[in-house]
């Protein structure tokens, strides 16, 4: 994994979102907005919501979602210990099928933490 994965991921995500939203009907645009708003601070802090998103992404086995939430969590100040605590919850909830995605998340996390 190269050190620039975070930048490449952000650029590709933005490019693809632009393609989708350029032709998207109202329902898709609303869902995208709802997704963004769901992670804003409310009764739960944004940091907690992104950790929840990370756990769900690992259990659902979506590496793109894992990457997104790793970046957001790091921006929110999540520590290595907090990340690994969340990884543990994902593993317990999802079982051994989560292990490949745990490996993926751990590798990506290390490059994020090294860049700090």
Protein backbone atom coordinates (compact mmCIF):
# COMPACT_ATOMS: atom_id res chain seq x y z
CA UNK A 1 0.00 0.00 0.00
CA UNK A 2 1.51 3.29 -1.00
CA UNK A 3 1.60 6.27 1.32
CA UNK A 4 -0.65 8.33 -0.97
CA UNK A 5 -3.74 6.11 -0.66
CA UNK A 6 -5.61 8.74 1.35
CA UNK A 7 -5.19 11.44 -1.31
CA UNK A 8 -5.98 9.06 -4.19
CA UNK A 9 -9.03 7.76 -2.33
CA UNK A 10 -10.38 11.27 -1.76
CA UNK A 11 -9.85 12.30 -5.37
CA UNK A 12 -11.47 9.16 -6.76
CA UNK A 13 -14.41 9.39 -4.35
CA UNK A 14 -15.01 13.03 -5.33
CA UNK A 15 -14.73 12.25 -9.05
CA UNK A 16 -17.20 9.38 -8.85
CA UNK A 17 -19.63 11.33 -6.67
CA UNK A 18 -19.64 14.09 -9.29
CA UNK A 19 -20.53 11.57 -12.00
CA UNK A 20 -23.39 10.13 -9.95
CA UNK A 21 -24.77 13.47 -8.78
CA UNK A 22 -24.61 15.06 -12.24
CA UNK A 23 -27.43 12.80 -13.44
CA UNK A 24 -28.96 11.73 -10.15
CA UNK A 25 -32.67 12.02 -9.51
CA UNK A 26 -33.88 13.67 -6.33
CA UNK A 27 -33.96 10.41 -4.35
CA UNK A 28 -30.25 9.73 -4.87
CA UNK A 29 -29.31 13.32 -4.05
CA UNK A 30 -31.40 13.16 -0.89
CA UNK A 31 -29.80 9.90 0.17
CA UNK A 32 -26.30 11.33 -0.32
CA UNK A 33 -27.28 14.35 1.80
CA UNK A 34 -28.83 12.12 4.47
CA UNK A 35 -25.67 10.02 4.60
CA UNK A 36 -23.54 13.12 5.14
CA UNK A 37 -25.87 14.56 7.78
CA UNK A 38 -26.05 11.28 9.72
CA UNK A 39 -22.41 11.66 10.77
CA UNK A 40 -22.72 15.24 12.03
CA UNK A 41 -22.61 15.80 15.78
CA UNK A 42 -25.94 15.41 17.52
CA UNK A 43 -26.80 13.42 20.62
CA UNK A 44 -23.61 11.52 19.79
CA UNK A 45 -20.36 13.31 18.90
CA UNK A 46 -19.24 13.04 15.26
CA UNK A 47 -16.19 11.05 16.41
CA UNK A 48 -18.43 8.38 17.94
CA UNK A 49 -20.65 8.27 14.86
CA UNK A 50 -17.66 7.71 12.58
CA UNK A 51 -16.40 4.94 14.86
CA UNK A 52 -19.85 3.35 14.57
CA UNK A 53 -19.63 3.75 10.79
CA UNK A 54 -16.21 2.11 10.82
CA UNK A 55 -17.49 -0.89 12.78
CA UNK A 56 -20.52 -1.25 10.50
CA UNK A 57 -18.30 -0.98 7.42
CA UNK A 58 -16.03 -3.73 8.69
CA UNK A 59 -18.96 -6.01 9.50
CA UNK A 60 -20.53 -5.30 6.10
CA UNK A 61 -17.10 -5.88 4.50
CA UNK A 62 -16.88 -2.64 2.52
CA UNK A 63 -13.23 -1.62 2.14
CA UNK A 64 -14.14 1.69 0.49
CA UNK A 65 -16.34 2.54 3.48
CA UNK A 66 -13.61 1.41 5.87
CA UNK A 67 -11.17 3.78 4.15
CA UNK A 68 -13.62 6.66 4.37
CA UNK A 69 -14.30 6.16 8.08
CA UNK A 70 -10.61 5.64 8.90
CA UNK A 71 -9.88 9.06 7.41
CA UNK A 72 -12.82 10.71 9.19
CA UNK A 73 -11.95 9.08 12.51
CA UNK A 74 -8.34 10.15 12.25
CA UNK A 75 -9.46 13.71 11.49
CA UNK A 76 -11.67 13.52 14.61
CA UNK A 77 -8.66 12.56 16.74
CA UNK A 78 -9.33 8.86 17.26
CA UNK A 79 -6.29 7.21 18.85
CA UNK A 80 -4.68 3.92 17.87
CA UNK A 81 -6.13 2.36 21.02
CA UNK A 82 -9.63 3.59 20.16
CA UNK A 83 -9.31 2.28 16.60
CA UNK A 84 -8.28 -1.15 17.81
CA UNK A 85 -11.07 -1.19 20.38
CA UNK A 86 -13.52 -0.52 17.53
CA UNK A 87 -11.82 -3.20 15.41
CA UNK A 88 -12.41 -5.63 18.28
CA UNK A 89 -16.13 -4.82 18.35
CA UNK A 90 -16.36 -5.36 14.58
CA UNK A 91 -14.61 -8.71 14.88
CA UNK A 92 -16.86 -9.90 17.70
CA UNK A 93 -20.02 -8.76 15.91
CA UNK A 94 -19.02 -9.97 12.45
CA UNK A 95 -16.95 -13.04 13.27
CA UNK A 96 -13.95 -14.43 11.43
CA UNK A 97 -15.20 -13.21 8.03
CA UNK A 98 -14.16 -9.73 9.23
CA UNK A 99 -10.48 -10.73 9.58
CA UNK A 100 -9.46 -9.80 6.00
CA UNK A 101 -11.09 -6.40 6.46
CA UNK A 102 -9.43 -6.02 9.85
CA UNK A 103 -6.09 -6.58 8.14
CA UNK A 104 -7.01 -4.04 5.46
CA UNK A 105 -8.05 -1.48 8.09
CA UNK A 106 -4.92 -2.05 10.17
CA UNK A 107 -2.64 -1.53 7.18
CA UNK A 108 -4.45 1.64 6.11
CA UNK A 109 -4.49 2.91 9.70
CA UNK A 110 -0.74 2.52 10.05
CA UNK A 111 -0.10 4.71 6.99
CA UNK A 112 -2.52 7.34 8.35
CA UNK A 113 -0.86 7.40 11.74
CA UNK A 114 2.63 7.53 10.22
CA UNK A 115 1.61 10.59 8.18
CA UNK A 116 0.70 12.51 11.35
